[in-house]
Structures are given as C-alpha cells and as structure tokens.
Amino acid sequence: MGERFVFEQEIEQLKRQDKGNLARRVELVSFDYSERGFDIKSYDANGEEVHIEVKTTMATEATDPGFWLSECERQTAKDDPSWRLYRVWNIEDKPHYRNLGNVVTTLPRSWQIAPCGWFVSR
C-alpha cells in the first residue's frame, strides 16, 4: 500500500511541476525486480533519476518504532547516490510520508541505525 501511495504521489508531484514527460516514466520496480534495492524509479524536477525505497507503517509518526532494511537495500544505499528512503506513516487512515534521504550514508537527526541480524543458510 505504501509503495503504491508514494508511486502515485511521485507522478502527481511531477505533473504539478509541469513534468508530465517524467511522470510517465516513473516505475514501480519492486513488483518486477525486488533485488534492485529500491521500490520506485522516479525523477527530480531536473530530470535526474531518483531511486526510492519505501518503508510503510500503520503507526503514526510519533509512535514509529522504526523499520528494517535488508542487506540488499543497505548495500544499494551505500553505493547508489540516487537512493532515498521514504517513510510512510498511518497508511490505513491518513497516509503521509517524508523523504528521509539516504539513511545509510547520512542519517537524519534523532534516528539511529544498528545491525540487527544475520541469515545463515546451507
């Protein structure tokens, strides 16, 4: 739900900026390529590509417990200067979001990041 919400917001924002040609190129890539490390390919007002990872919660911004990043997402954020994380709150009632930027390379004030697990396979 959060990915679809941000996808639609990105298209509308570009249209409001009179960038319909870019709005038509916005893609919800997570449906086809979950291993890319981001969910949406969009564009800024200058036409530069933006890679958006969406993290969604039913919690409000004030009660947000945080979110998980996969190793693929973390590595993509580390290597991709176009990567951004959009946090969506209150998805079921009044969804709203904020671009937190690249939380791996430049963590916003009052947020923290910590390693939290390992996957062992055979």
PDB file of N, CA and C in Angstrom:
ATOM      1  N   MET A   1       0.824  -1.206   0.000  1.00  0.00           N
ATOM      2  CA  MET A   1       0.000   0.000   0.000  1.00  0.00           C
ATOM      3  C   MET A   1       0.865   1.265   0.000  1.00  0.00           C
ATOM      4  N   GLY A   2       1.935   1.227   0.780  1.00  0.00           N
ATOM      5  CA  GLY A   2       2.815   2.388   0.855  1.00  0.00           C
ATOM      6  C   GLY A   2       3.538   2.666  -0.440  1.00  0.00           C
ATOM      7  N   GLU A   3       3.988   1.610  -1.090  1.00  0.00           N
ATOM      8  CA  GLU A   3       4.675   1.777  -2.375  1.00  0.00           C
ATOM      9  C   GLU A   3       3.739   2.386  -3.408  1.00  0.00           C
ATOM     10  N   ARG A   4       2.521   1.896  -3.466  1.00  0.00           N
ATOM     11  CA  ARG A   4       1.536   2.420  -4.417  1.00  0.00           C
ATOM     12  C   ARG A   4       1.240   3.890  -4.098  1.00  0.00           C
ATOM     13  N   PHE A   5       1.101   4.225  -2.805  1.00  0.00           N
ATOM     14  CA  PHE A   5       0.840   5.590  -2.381  1.00  0.00           C
ATOM     15  C   PHE A   5       1.959   6.531  -2.840  1.00  0.00           C
ATOM     16  N   VAL A   6       3.212   6.164  -2.572  1.00  0.00           N
ATOM     17  CA  VAL A   6       4.346   7.011  -2.968  1.00  0.00           C
ATOM     18  C   VAL A   6       4.455   7.090  -4.485  1.00  0.00           C
ATOM     19  N   PHE A   7       4.248   5.974  -5.159  1.00  0.00           N
ATOM     20  CA  PHE A   7       4.269   5.945  -6.627  1.00  0.00           C
ATOM     21  C   PHE A   7       3.302   6.988  -7.190  1.00  0.00           C
ATOM     22  N   GLU A   8       2.070   6.977  -6.696  1.00  0.00           N
ATOM     23  CA  GLU A   8       1.062   7.940  -7.170  1.00  0.00           C
ATOM     24  C   GLU A   8       1.434   9.373  -6.794  1.00  0.00           C
ATOM     25  N   GLN A   9       2.000   9.570  -5.607  1.00  0.00           N
ATOM     26  CA  GLN A   9       2.424  10.906  -5.187  1.00  0.00           C
ATOM     27  C   GLN A   9       3.552  11.436  -6.075  1.00  0.00           C
ATOM     28  N   GLU A  10       4.473  10.583  -6.442  1.00  0.00           N
ATOM     29  CA  GLU A  10       5.578  10.992  -7.315  1.00  0.00           C
ATOM     30  C   GLU A  10       5.053  11.452  -8.677  1.00  0.00           C
ATOM     31  N   ILE A  11       4.122  10.703  -9.225  1.00  0.00           N
ATOM     32  CA  ILE A  11       3.542  11.072 -10.521  1.00  0.00           C
ATOM     33  C   ILE A  11       2.824  12.409 -10.415  1.00  0.00           C
ATOM     34  N   GLU A  12       2.009  12.572  -9.389  1.00  0.00           N
ATOM     35  CA  GLU A  12       1.265  13.825  -9.214  1.00  0.00           C
ATOM     36  C   GLU A  12       2.196  15.009  -9.004  1.00  0.00           C
ATOM     37  N   GLN A  13       3.244  14.821  -8.220  1.00  0.00           N
ATOM     38  CA  GLN A  13       4.198  15.905  -7.963  1.00  0.00           C
ATOM     39  C   GLN A  13       4.877  16.348  -9.259  1.00  0.00           C
ATOM     40  N   LEU A  14       5.288  15.404 -10.080  1.00  0.00           N
ATOM     41  CA  LEU A  14       5.916  15.756 -11.357  1.00  0.00           C
ATOM     42  C   LEU A  14       4.932  16.457 -12.289  1.00  0.00           C
ATOM     43  N   LYS A  15       3.689  16.008 -12.298  1.00  0.00           N
ATOM     44  CA  LYS A  15       2.672  16.679 -13.118  1.00  0.00           C
ATOM     45  C   LYS A  15       2.452  18.108 -12.658  1.00  0.00           C
ATOM     46  N   ARG A  16       2.414  18.335 -11.326  1.00  0.00           N
ATOM     47  CA  ARG A  16       2.242  19.699 -10.790  1.00  0.00           C
ATOM     48  C   ARG A  16       3.412  20.597 -11.181  1.00  0.00           C
ATOM     49  N   GLN A  17       4.580  19.999 -11.372  1.00  0.00           N
ATOM     50  CA  GLN A  17       5.765  20.754 -11.786  1.00  0.00           C
ATOM     51  C   GLN A  17       5.855  20.867 -13.306  1.00  0.00           C
ATOM     52  N   ASP A  18       4.768  20.488 -13.978  1.00  0.00           N
ATOM     53  CA  ASP A  18       4.704  20.524 -15.435  1.00  0.00           C
ATOM     54  C   ASP A  18       5.766  19.630 -16.071  1.00  0.00           C
ATOM     55  N   LYS A  19       5.970  18.462 -15.452  1.00  0.00           N
ATOM     56  CA  LYS A  19       6.943  17.486 -15.932  1.00  0.00           C
ATOM     57  C   LYS A  19       6.230  16.179 -16.293  1.00  0.00           C
ATOM     58  N   GLY A  20       5.169  16.296 -17.094  1.00  0.00           N
ATOM     59  CA  GLY A  20       4.390  15.133 -17.488  1.00  0.00           C
ATOM     60  C   GLY A  20       5.203  14.074 -18.193  1.00  0.00           C
ATOM     61  N   ASN A  21       6.212  14.518 -18.963  1.00  0.00           N
ATOM     62  CA  ASN A  21       7.070  13.552 -19.660  1.00  0.00           C
ATOM     63  C   ASN A  21       7.831  12.684 -18.656  1.00  0.00           C
ATOM     64  N   LEU A  22       8.256  13.263 -17.536  1.00  0.00           N
ATOM     65  CA  LEU A  22       8.935  12.484 -16.497  1.00  0.00           C
ATOM     66  C   LEU A  22       7.940  11.657 -15.702  1.00  0.00           C
ATOM     67  N   ALA A  23       6.756  12.206 -15.455  1.00  0.00           N
ATOM     68  CA  ALA A  23       5.724  11.482 -14.701  1.00  0.00           C
ATOM     69  C   ALA A  23       5.378  10.165 -15.388  1.00  0.00           C
ATOM     70  N   ARG A  24       5.368  10.158 -16.694  1.00  0.00           N
ATOM     71  CA  ARG A  24       5.052   8.936 -17.441  1.00  0.00           C
ATOM     72  C   ARG A  24       6.151   7.882 -17.335  1.00  0.00           C
ATOM     73  N   ARG A  25       7.336   8.273 -16.893  1.00  0.00           N
ATOM     74  CA  ARG A  25       8.469   7.355 -16.801  1.00  0.00           C
ATOM     75  C   ARG A  25       8.681   6.794 -15.390  1.00  0.00           C
ATOM     76  N   VAL A  26       7.891   7.251 -14.424  1.00  0.00           N
ATOM     77  CA  VAL A  26       8.001   6.727 -13.058  1.00  0.00           C
ATOM     78  C   VAL A  26       7.602   5.252 -13.075  1.00  0.00           C
ATOM     79  N   GLU A  27       8.405   4.417 -12.404  1.00  0.00           N
ATOM     80  CA  GLU A  27       8.169   2.971 -12.417  1.00  0.00           C
ATOM     81  C   GLU A  27       8.124   2.403 -11.002  1.00  0.00           C
ATOM     82  N   LEU A  28       7.212   1.493 -10.778  1.00  0.00           N
ATOM     83  CA  LEU A  28       7.147   0.725  -9.538  1.00  0.00           C
ATOM     84  C   LEU A  28       7.948  -0.556  -9.795  1.00  0.00           C
ATOM     85  N   VAL A  29       9.249  -0.482  -9.603  1.00  0.00           N
ATOM     86  CA  VAL A  29      10.141  -1.572  -9.988  1.00  0.00           C
ATOM     87  C   VAL A  29      10.096  -2.754  -9.032  1.00  0.00           C
ATOM     88  N   SER A  30       9.612  -2.569  -7.823  1.00  0.00           N
ATOM     89  CA  SER A  30       9.623  -3.652  -6.830  1.00  0.00           C
ATOM     90  C   SER A  30       8.740  -4.818  -7.239  1.00  0.00           C
ATOM     91  N   PHE A  31       7.733  -4.593  -8.070  1.00  0.00           N
ATOM     92  CA  PHE A  31       6.868  -5.686  -8.497  1.00  0.00           C
ATOM     93  C   PHE A  31       7.609  -6.656  -9.414  1.00  0.00           C
ATOM     94  N   ASP A  32       8.600  -6.156 -10.135  1.00  0.00           N
ATOM     95  CA  ASP A  32       9.339  -6.987 -11.079  1.00  0.00           C
ATOM     96  C   ASP A  32      10.763  -7.322 -10.644  1.00  0.00           C
ATOM     97  N   TYR A  33      11.370  -6.415  -9.853  1.00  0.00           N
ATOM     98  CA  TYR A  33      12.780  -6.572  -9.509  1.00  0.00           C
ATOM     99  C   TYR A  33      13.010  -6.298  -8.026  1.00  0.00           C
ATOM    100  N   SER A  34      12.634  -7.202  -7.156  1.00  0.00           N
ATOM    101  CA  SER A  34      12.787  -6.961  -5.724  1.00  0.00           C
ATOM    102  C   SER A  34      14.251  -6.914  -5.295  1.00  0.00           C
ATOM    103  N   GLU A  35      15.142  -7.459  -6.111  1.00  0.00           N
ATOM    104  CA  GLU A  35      16.559  -7.485  -5.748  1.00  0.00           C
ATOM    105  C   GLU A  35      17.297  -6.201  -6.123  1.00  0.00           C
ATOM    106  N   ARG A  36      16.617  -5.193  -6.605  1.00  0.00           N
ATOM    107  CA  ARG A  36      17.289  -3.957  -7.025  1.00  0.00           C
ATOM    108  C   ARG A  36      17.676  -3.069  -5.853  1.00  0.00           C
ATOM    109  N   GLY A  37      17.071  -3.279  -4.697  1.00  0.00           N
ATOM    110  CA  GLY A  37      17.435  -2.484  -3.522  1.00  0.00           C
ATOM    111  C   GLY A  37      16.640  -1.206  -3.376  1.00  0.00           C
ATOM    112  N   PHE A  38      15.621  -1.025  -4.214  1.00  0.00           N
ATOM    113  CA  PHE A  38      14.702   0.103  -4.087  1.00  0.00           C
ATOM    114  C   PHE A  38      13.393  -0.278  -4.763  1.00  0.00           C
ATOM    115  N   ASP A  39      12.347   0.490  -4.473  1.00  0.00           N
ATOM    116  CA  ASP A  39      10.996   0.149  -4.921  1.00  0.00           C
ATOM    117  C   ASP A  39      10.504   0.944  -6.128  1.00  0.00           C
ATOM    118  N   ILE A  40      10.906   2.202  -6.214  1.00  0.00           N
ATOM    119  CA  ILE A  40      10.360   3.105  -7.237  1.00  0.00           C
ATOM    120  C   ILE A  40      11.492   3.845  -7.935  1.00  0.00           C
ATOM    121  N   LYS A  41      11.424   3.876  -9.249  1.00  0.00           N
ATOM    122  CA  LYS A  41      12.328   4.733 -10.025  1.00  0.00           C
ATOM    123  C   LYS A  41      11.528   5.974 -10.390  1.00  0.00           C
ATOM    124  N   SER A  42      12.005   7.120  -9.926  1.00  0.00           N
ATOM    125  CA  SER A  42      11.326   8.379 -10.207  1.00  0.00           C
ATOM    126  C   SER A  42      12.355   9.398 -10.686  1.00  0.00           C
ATOM    127  N   TYR A  43      11.937  10.656 -10.711  1.00  0.00           N
ATOM    128  CA  TYR A  43      12.801  11.722 -11.215  1.00  0.00           C
ATOM    129  C   TYR A  43      12.597  12.977 -10.385  1.00  0.00           C
ATOM    130  N   ASP A  44      13.658  13.769 -10.243  1.00  0.00           N
ATOM    131  CA  ASP A  44      13.502  15.065  -9.599  1.00  0.00           C
ATOM    132  C   ASP A  44      13.133  16.101 -10.665  1.00  0.00           C
ATOM    133  N   ALA A  45      12.928  17.324 -10.254  1.00  0.00           N
ATOM    134  CA  ALA A  45      12.482  18.376 -11.173  1.00  0.00           C
ATOM    135  C   ALA A  45      13.494  18.661 -12.277  1.00  0.00           C
ATOM    136  N   ASN A  46      14.759  18.295 -12.051  1.00  0.00           N
ATOM    137  CA  ASN A  46      15.812  18.500 -13.056  1.00  0.00           C
ATOM    138  C   ASN A  46      15.940  17.329 -14.020  1.00  0.00           C
ATOM    139  N   GLY A  47      15.112  16.300 -13.823  1.00  0.00           N
ATOM    140  CA  GLY A  47      15.157  15.139 -14.692  1.00  0.00           C
ATOM    141  C   GLY A  47      16.135  14.074 -14.255  1.00  0.00           C
ATOM    142  N   GLU A  48      16.770  14.268 -13.092  1.00  0.00           N
ATOM    143  CA  GLU A  48      17.703  13.269 -12.575  1.00  0.00           C
ATOM    144  C   GLU A  48      16.931  12.101 -11.972  1.00  0.00           C
ATOM    145  N   GLU A  49      17.392  10.900 -12.230  1.00  0.00           N
ATOM    146  CA  GLU A  49      16.757   9.704 -11.707  1.00  0.00           C
ATOM    147  C   GLU A  49      16.888   9.651 -10.180  1.00  0.00           C
ATOM    148  N   VAL A  50      15.828   9.218  -9.509  1.00  0.00           N
ATOM    149  CA  VAL A  50      15.809   9.040  -8.062  1.00  0.00           C
ATOM    150  C   VAL A  50      15.329   7.618  -7.785  1.00  0.00           C
ATOM    151  N   HIS A  51      16.030   6.909  -6.912  1.00  0.00           N
ATOM    152  CA  HIS A  51      15.668   5.537  -6.543  1.00  0.00           C
ATOM    153  C   HIS A  51      15.106   5.560  -5.126  1.00  0.00           C
ATOM    154  N   ILE A  52      13.842   5.206  -4.995  1.00  0.00           N
ATOM    155  CA  ILE A  52      13.126   5.355  -3.728  1.00  0.00           C
ATOM    156  C   ILE A  52      12.835   3.993  -3.111  1.00  0.00           C
ATOM    157  N   GLU A  53      13.301   3.817  -1.891  1.00  0.00           N
ATOM    158  CA  GLU A  53      12.923   2.670  -1.075  1.00  0.00           C
ATOM    159  C   GLU A  53      11.813   3.155  -0.148  1.00  0.00           C
ATOM    160  N   VAL A  54      10.694   2.434  -0.109  1.00  0.00           N
ATOM    161  CA  VAL A  54       9.536   2.831   0.700  1.00  0.00           C
ATOM    162  C   VAL A  54       9.418   1.907   1.904  1.00  0.00           C
ATOM    163  N   LYS A  55       9.288   2.491   3.073  1.00  0.00           N
ATOM    164  CA  LYS A  55       9.032   1.744   4.301  1.00  0.00           C
ATOM    165  C   LYS A  55       7.737   2.279   4.888  1.00  0.00           C
ATOM    166  N   THR A  56       6.777   1.387   5.089  1.00  0.00           N
ATOM    167  CA  THR A  56       5.417   1.773   5.444  1.00  0.00           C
ATOM    168  C   THR A  56       5.028   1.205   6.796  1.00  0.00           C
ATOM    169  N   THR A  57       4.224   1.974   7.540  1.00  0.00           N
ATOM    170  CA  THR A  57       3.721   1.513   8.820  1.00  0.00           C
ATOM    171  C   THR A  57       2.302   2.027   9.041  1.00  0.00           C
ATOM    172  N   MET A  58       1.568   1.325   9.891  1.00  0.00           N
ATOM    173  CA  MET A  58       0.254   1.807  10.327  1.00  0.00           C
ATOM    174  C   MET A  58       0.409   2.780  11.487  1.00  0.00           C
ATOM    175  N   ALA A  59       1.594   2.803  12.105  1.00  0.00           N
ATOM    176  CA  ALA A  59       1.855   3.696  13.227  1.00  0.00           C
ATOM    177  C   ALA A  59       1.862   5.153  12.780  1.00  0.00           C
ATOM    178  N   THR A  60       1.660   6.025  13.731  1.00  0.00           N
ATOM    179  CA  THR A  60       1.798   7.457  13.461  1.00  0.00           C
ATOM    180  C   THR A  60       3.283   7.812  13.501  1.00  0.00           C
ATOM    181  N   GLU A  61       3.594   8.984  13.054  1.00  0.00           N
ATOM    182  CA  GLU A  61       4.986   9.423  13.084  1.00  0.00           C
ATOM    183  C   GLU A  61       5.506   9.458  14.523  1.00  0.00           C
ATOM    184  N   ALA A  62       4.664   9.872  15.455  1.00  0.00           N
ATOM    185  CA  ALA A  62       5.064   9.986  16.860  1.00  0.00           C
ATOM    186  C   ALA A  62       5.306   8.625  17.520  1.00  0.00           C
ATOM    187  N   THR A  63       4.622   7.582  17.041  1.00  0.00           N
ATOM    188  CA  THR A  63       4.762   6.261  17.662  1.00  0.00           C
ATOM    189  C   THR A  63       5.566   5.292  16.806  1.00  0.00           C
ATOM    190  N   ASP A  64       6.259   5.798  15.815  1.00  0.00           N
ATOM    191  CA  ASP A  64       7.028   4.982  14.879  1.00  0.00           C
ATOM    192  C   ASP A  64       8.115   4.187  15.609  1.00  0.00           C
ATOM    193  N   PRO A  65       8.057   2.843  15.525  1.00  0.00           N
ATOM    194  CA  PRO A  65       9.076   2.034  16.189  1.00  0.00           C
ATOM    195  C   PRO A  65      10.347   1.844  15.366  1.00  0.00           C
ATOM    196  N   GLY A  66      10.350   2.284  14.104  1.00  0.00           N
ATOM    197  CA  GLY A  66      11.489   2.081  13.214  1.00  0.00           C
ATOM    198  C   GLY A  66      11.147   1.085  12.125  1.00  0.00           C
ATOM    199  N   PHE A  67      12.130   0.696  11.356  1.00  0.00           N
ATOM    200  CA  PHE A  67      11.897  -0.187  10.221  1.00  0.00           C
ATOM    201  C   PHE A  67      13.148  -0.998   9.951  1.00  0.00           C
ATOM    202  N   TRP A  68      12.987  -2.065   9.194  1.00  0.00           N
ATOM    203  CA  TRP A  68      14.086  -2.941   8.810  1.00  0.00           C
ATOM    204  C   TRP A  68      14.595  -2.569   7.422  1.00  0.00           C
ATOM    205  N   LEU A  69      15.884  -2.664   7.240  1.00  0.00           N
ATOM    206  CA  LEU A  69      16.498  -2.582   5.916  1.00  0.00           C
ATOM    207  C   LEU A  69      17.105  -3.946   5.614  1.00  0.00           C
ATOM    208  N   SER A  70      16.904  -4.417   4.416  1.00  0.00           N
ATOM    209  CA  SER A  70      17.576  -5.657   4.012  1.00  0.00           C
ATOM    210  C   SER A  70      19.035  -5.329   3.698  1.00  0.00           C
ATOM    211  N   GLU A  71      19.856  -6.351   3.634  1.00  0.00           N
ATOM    212  CA  GLU A  71      21.258  -6.138   3.262  1.00  0.00           C
ATOM    213  C   GLU A  71      21.352  -5.602   1.839  1.00  0.00           C
ATOM    214  N   CYS A  72      20.478  -6.064   0.962  1.00  0.00           N
ATOM    215  CA  CYS A  72      20.447  -5.555  -0.410  1.00  0.00           C
ATOM    216  C   CYS A  72      20.129  -4.051  -0.418  1.00  0.00           C
ATOM    217  N   GLU A  73      19.150  -3.653   0.363  1.00  0.00           N
ATOM    218  CA  GLU A  73      18.782  -2.229   0.443  1.00  0.00           C
ATOM    219  C   GLU A  73      19.930  -1.406   1.030  1.00  0.00           C
ATOM    220  N   ARG A  74      20.566  -1.922   2.089  1.00  0.00           N
ATOM    221  CA  ARG A  74      21.668  -1.204   2.727  1.00  0.00           C
ATOM    222  C   ARG A  74      22.842  -1.039   1.764  1.00  0.00           C
ATOM    223  N   GLN A  75      23.174  -2.103   1.057  1.00  0.00           N
ATOM    224  CA  GLN A  75      24.292  -2.046   0.115  1.00  0.00           C
ATOM    225  C   GLN A  75      23.974  -1.111  -1.053  1.00  0.00           C
ATOM    226  N   THR A  76      22.742  -1.170  -1.545  1.00  0.00           N
ATOM    227  CA  THR A  76      22.339  -0.266  -2.625  1.00  0.00           C
ATOM    228  C   THR A  76      22.448   1.181  -2.162  1.00  0.00           C
ATOM    229  N   ALA A  77      21.970   1.456  -0.955  1.00  0.00           N
ATOM    230  CA  ALA A  77      22.047   2.816  -0.400  1.00  0.00           C
ATOM    231  C   ALA A  77      23.493   3.280  -0.289  1.00  0.00           C
ATOM    232  N   LYS A  78      24.366   2.379   0.115  1.00  0.00           N
ATOM    233  CA  LYS A  78      25.781   2.713   0.272  1.00  0.00           C
ATOM    234  C   LYS A  78      26.429   3.079  -1.068  1.00  0.00           C
ATOM    235  N   ASP A  79      26.021   2.374  -2.137  1.00  0.00           N
ATOM    236  CA  ASP A  79      26.684   2.531  -3.435  1.00  0.00           C
ATOM    237  C   ASP A  79      25.972   3.459  -4.426  1.00  0.00           C
ATOM    238  N   ASP A  80      24.707   3.771  -4.175  1.00  0.00           N
ATOM    239  CA  ASP A  80      23.881   4.488  -5.153  1.00  0.00           C
ATOM    240  C   ASP A  80      23.577   5.906  -4.678  1.00  0.00           C
ATOM    241  N   PRO A  81      24.168   6.930  -5.288  1.00  0.00           N
ATOM    242  CA  PRO A  81      23.917   8.313  -4.859  1.00  0.00           C
ATOM    243  C   PRO A  81      22.484   8.786  -5.135  1.00  0.00           C
ATOM    244  N   SER A  82      21.719   8.029  -5.916  1.00  0.00           N
ATOM    245  CA  SER A  82      20.332   8.401  -6.221  1.00  0.00           C
ATOM    246  C   SER A  82      19.325   7.773  -5.258  1.00  0.00           C
ATOM    247  N   TRP A  83      19.803   6.957  -4.315  1.00  0.00           N
ATOM    248  CA  TRP A  83      18.928   6.211  -3.403  1.00  0.00           C
ATOM    249  C   TRP A  83      18.389   7.114  -2.300  1.00  0.00           C
ATOM    250  N   ARG A  84      17.081   6.989  -2.034  1.00  0.00           N
ATOM    251  CA  ARG A  84      16.404   7.729  -0.957  1.00  0.00           C
ATOM    252  C   ARG A  84      15.446   6.787  -0.248  1.00  0.00           C
ATOM    253  N   LEU A  85      15.187   7.054   1.025  1.00  0.00           N
ATOM    254  CA  LEU A  85      14.195   6.282   1.759  1.00  0.00           C
ATOM    255  C   LEU A  85      13.018   7.193   2.093  1.00  0.00           C
ATOM    256  N   TYR A  86      11.834   6.772   1.713  1.00  0.00           N
ATOM    257  CA  TYR A  86      10.613   7.491   2.053  1.00  0.00           C
ATOM    258  C   TYR A  86       9.885   6.679   3.114  1.00  0.00           C
ATOM    259  N   ARG A  87       9.615   7.293   4.247  1.00  0.00           N
ATOM    260  CA  ARG A  87       8.893   6.638   5.337  1.00  0.00           C
ATOM    261  C   ARG A  87       7.436   7.064   5.257  1.00  0.00           C
ATOM    262  N   VAL A  88       6.534   6.079   5.146  1.00  0.00           N
ATOM    263  CA  VAL A  88       5.093   6.335   5.080  1.00  0.00           C
ATOM    264  C   VAL A  88       4.490   5.953   6.427  1.00  0.00           C
ATOM    265  N   TRP A  89       3.746   6.881   7.020  1.00  0.00           N
ATOM    266  CA  TRP A  89       3.079   6.646   8.300  1.00  0.00           C
ATOM    267  C   TRP A  89       1.569   6.615   8.111  1.00  0.00           C
ATOM    268  N   ASN A  90       0.899   5.969   9.051  1.00  0.00           N
ATOM    269  CA  ASN A  90      -0.567   5.997   9.140  1.00  0.00           C
ATOM    270  C   ASN A  90      -1.229   5.579   7.828  1.00  0.00           C
ATOM    271  N   ILE A  91      -0.737   4.511   7.252  1.00  0.00           N
ATOM    272  CA  ILE A  91      -1.155   4.112   5.910  1.00  0.00           C
ATOM    273  C   ILE A  91      -2.648   3.816   5.815  1.00  0.00           C
ATOM    274  N   GLU A  92      -3.263   3.342   6.874  1.00  0.00           N
ATOM    275  CA  GLU A  92      -4.678   2.961   6.772  1.00  0.00           C
ATOM    276  C   GLU A  92      -5.648   4.119   6.982  1.00  0.00           C
ATOM    277  N   ASP A  93      -5.242   5.166   7.690  1.00  0.00           N
ATOM    278  CA  ASP A  93      -6.168   6.261   7.986  1.00  0.00           C
ATOM    279  C   ASP A  93      -5.882   7.525   7.172  1.00  0.00           C
ATOM    280  N   LYS A  94      -4.764   8.148   7.452  1.00  0.00           N
ATOM    281  CA  LYS A  94      -4.373   9.376   6.752  1.00  0.00           C
ATOM    282  C   LYS A  94      -2.902   9.274   6.385  1.00  0.00           C
ATOM    283  N   PRO A  95      -2.601   8.546   5.307  1.00  0.00           N
ATOM    284  CA  PRO A  95      -1.186   8.341   4.980  1.00  0.00           C
ATOM    285  C   PRO A  95      -0.465   9.638   4.651  1.00  0.00           C
ATOM    286  N   HIS A  96       0.736   9.722   5.164  1.00  0.00           N
ATOM    287  CA  HIS A  96       1.639  10.814   4.803  1.00  0.00           C
ATOM    288  C   HIS A  96       3.058  10.258   4.866  1.00  0.00           C
ATOM    289  N   TYR A  97       3.969  10.954   4.221  1.00  0.00           N
ATOM    290  CA  TYR A  97       5.332  10.438   4.154  1.00  0.00           C
ATOM    291  C   TYR A  97       6.338  11.562   4.196  1.00  0.00           C
ATOM    292  N   ARG A  98       7.580  11.151   4.416  1.00  0.00           N
ATOM    293  CA  ARG A  98       8.688  12.092   4.391  1.00  0.00           C
ATOM    294  C   ARG A  98       9.876  11.412   3.715  1.00  0.00           C
ATOM    295  N   ASN A  99      10.586  12.170   2.933  1.00  0.00           N
ATOM    296  CA  ASN A  99      11.827  11.718   2.333  1.00  0.00           C
ATOM    297  C   ASN A  99      12.907  11.857   3.402  1.00  0.00           C
ATOM    298  N   LEU A 100      13.403  10.738   3.907  1.00  0.00           N
ATOM    299  CA  LEU A 100      14.454  10.767   4.925  1.00  0.00           C
ATOM    300  C   LEU A 100      15.848  10.825   4.309  1.00  0.00           C
ATOM    301  N   GLY A 101      15.909  10.857   2.982  1.00  0.00           N
ATOM    302  CA  GLY A 101      17.198  10.900   2.306  1.00  0.00           C
ATOM    303  C   GLY A 101      17.855   9.532   2.325  1.00  0.00           C
ATOM    304  N   ASN A 102      19.161   9.508   2.286  1.00  0.00           N
ATOM    305  CA  ASN A 102      19.893   8.249   2.337  1.00  0.00           C
ATOM    306  C   ASN A 102      20.266   7.987   3.792  1.00  0.00           C
ATOM    307  N   VAL A 103      19.468   7.176   4.460  1.00  0.00           N
ATOM    308  CA  VAL A 103      19.656   6.919   5.890  1.00  0.00           C
ATOM    309  C   VAL A 103      20.904   6.097   6.183  1.00  0.00           C
ATOM    310  N   VAL A 104      21.503   5.510   5.162  1.00  0.00           N
ATOM    311  CA  VAL A 104      22.721   4.730   5.351  1.00  0.00           C
ATOM    312  C   VAL A 104      23.944   5.643   5.342  1.00  0.00           C
ATOM    313  N   THR A 105      23.979   6.596   4.438  1.00  0.00           N
ATOM    314  CA  THR A 105      25.142   7.486   4.334  1.00  0.00           C
ATOM    315  C   THR A 105      25.002   8.760   5.163  1.00  0.00           C
ATOM    316  N   THR A 106      23.782   9.228   5.362  1.00  0.00           N
ATOM    317  CA  THR A 106      23.541  10.456   6.137  1.00  0.00           C
ATOM    318  C   THR A 106      22.259  10.277   6.937  1.00  0.00           C
ATOM    319  N   LEU A 107      22.392   9.821   8.160  1.00  0.00           N
ATOM    320  CA  LEU A 107      21.239   9.539   9.000  1.00  0.00           C
ATOM    321  C   LEU A 107      20.605  10.836   9.502  1.00  0.00           C
ATOM    322  N   PRO A 108      19.277  10.980   9.353  1.00  0.00           N
ATOM    323  CA  PRO A 108      18.604  12.186   9.865  1.00  0.00           C
ATOM    324  C   PRO A 108      18.739  12.307  11.386  1.00  0.00           C
ATOM    325  N   ARG A 109      18.702  13.528  11.864  1.00  0.00           N
ATOM    326  CA  ARG A 109      18.747  13.750  13.314  1.00  0.00           C
ATOM    327  C   ARG A 109      17.642  12.970  13.997  1.00  0.00           C
ATOM    328  N   SER A 110      17.901  12.483  15.160  1.00  0.00           N
ATOM    329  CA  SER A 110      17.010  11.729  16.035  1.00  0.00           C
ATOM    330  C   SER A 110      16.747  10.300  15.548  1.00  0.00           C
ATOM    331  N   TRP A 111      17.403   9.856  14.479  1.00  0.00           N
ATOM    332  CA  TRP A 111      17.305   8.478  14.027  1.00  0.00           C
ATOM    333  C   TRP A 111      18.637   7.792  14.301  1.00  0.00           C
ATOM    334  N   GLN A 112      18.606   6.480  14.446  1.00  0.00           N
ATOM    335  CA  GLN A 112      19.834   5.706  14.595  1.00  0.00           C
ATOM    336  C   GLN A 112      19.720   4.435  13.776  1.00  0.00           C
ATOM    337  N   ILE A 113      20.863   3.881  13.420  1.00  0.00           N
ATOM    338  CA  ILE A 113      20.890   2.646  12.638  1.00  0.00           C
ATOM    339  C   ILE A 113      21.810   1.662  13.337  1.00  0.00           C
ATOM    340  N   ALA A 114      21.389   0.403  13.367  1.00  0.00           N
ATOM    341  CA  ALA A 114      22.191  -0.622  14.023  1.00  0.00           C
ATOM    342  C   ALA A 114      22.024  -1.948  13.297  1.00  0.00           C
ATOM    343  N   PRO A 115      23.109  -2.735  13.201  1.00  0.00           N
ATOM    344  CA  PRO A 115      22.970  -4.071  12.627  1.00  0.00           C
ATOM    345  C   PRO A 115      22.091  -4.913  13.557  1.00  0.00           C
ATOM    346  N   CYS A 116      21.285  -5.794  12.980  1.00  0.00           N
ATOM    347  CA  CYS A 116      20.327  -6.482  13.839  1.00  0.00           C
ATOM    348  C   CYS A 116      20.134  -7.954  13.536  1.00  0.00           C
ATOM    349  N   GLY A 117      20.879  -8.503  12.623  1.00  0.00           N
ATOM    350  CA  GLY A 117      20.684  -9.922  12.395  1.00  0.00           C
ATOM    351  C   GLY A 117      21.539 -10.464  11.274  1.00  0.00           C
ATOM    352  N   TRP A 118      21.618 -11.775  11.255  1.00  0.00           N
ATOM    353  CA  TRP A 118      22.355 -12.475  10.219  1.00  0.00           C
ATOM    354  C   TRP A 118      21.510 -13.635   9.746  1.00  0.00           C
ATOM    355  N   PHE A 119      21.657 -13.958   8.489  1.00  0.00           N
ATOM    356  CA  PHE A 119      20.961 -15.101   7.932  1.00  0.00           C
ATOM    357  C   PHE A 119      22.016 -16.148   7.586  1.00  0.00           C
ATOM    358  N   VAL A 120      21.850 -17.342   8.098  1.00  0.00           N
ATOM    359  CA  VAL A 120      22.778 -18.420   7.811  1.00  0.00           C
ATOM    360  C   VAL A 120      22.034 -19.460   6.977  1.00  0.00           C
ATOM    361  N   SER A 121      22.640 -19.864   5.872  1.00  0.00           N
ATOM    362  CA  SER A 121      21.985 -20.852   5.024  1.00  0.00           C
ATOM    363  C   SER A 121      22.974 -21.926   4.619  1.00  0.00           C
ATOM    364  N   ARG A 122      22.462 -22.930   4.051  1.00  0.00           N
ATOM    365  CA  ARG A 122      23.275 -24.051   3.622  1.00  0.00           C
ATOM    366  C   ARG A 122      23.406 -24.101   2.125  1.00  0.00           C
TER     367      ARG A 122
END
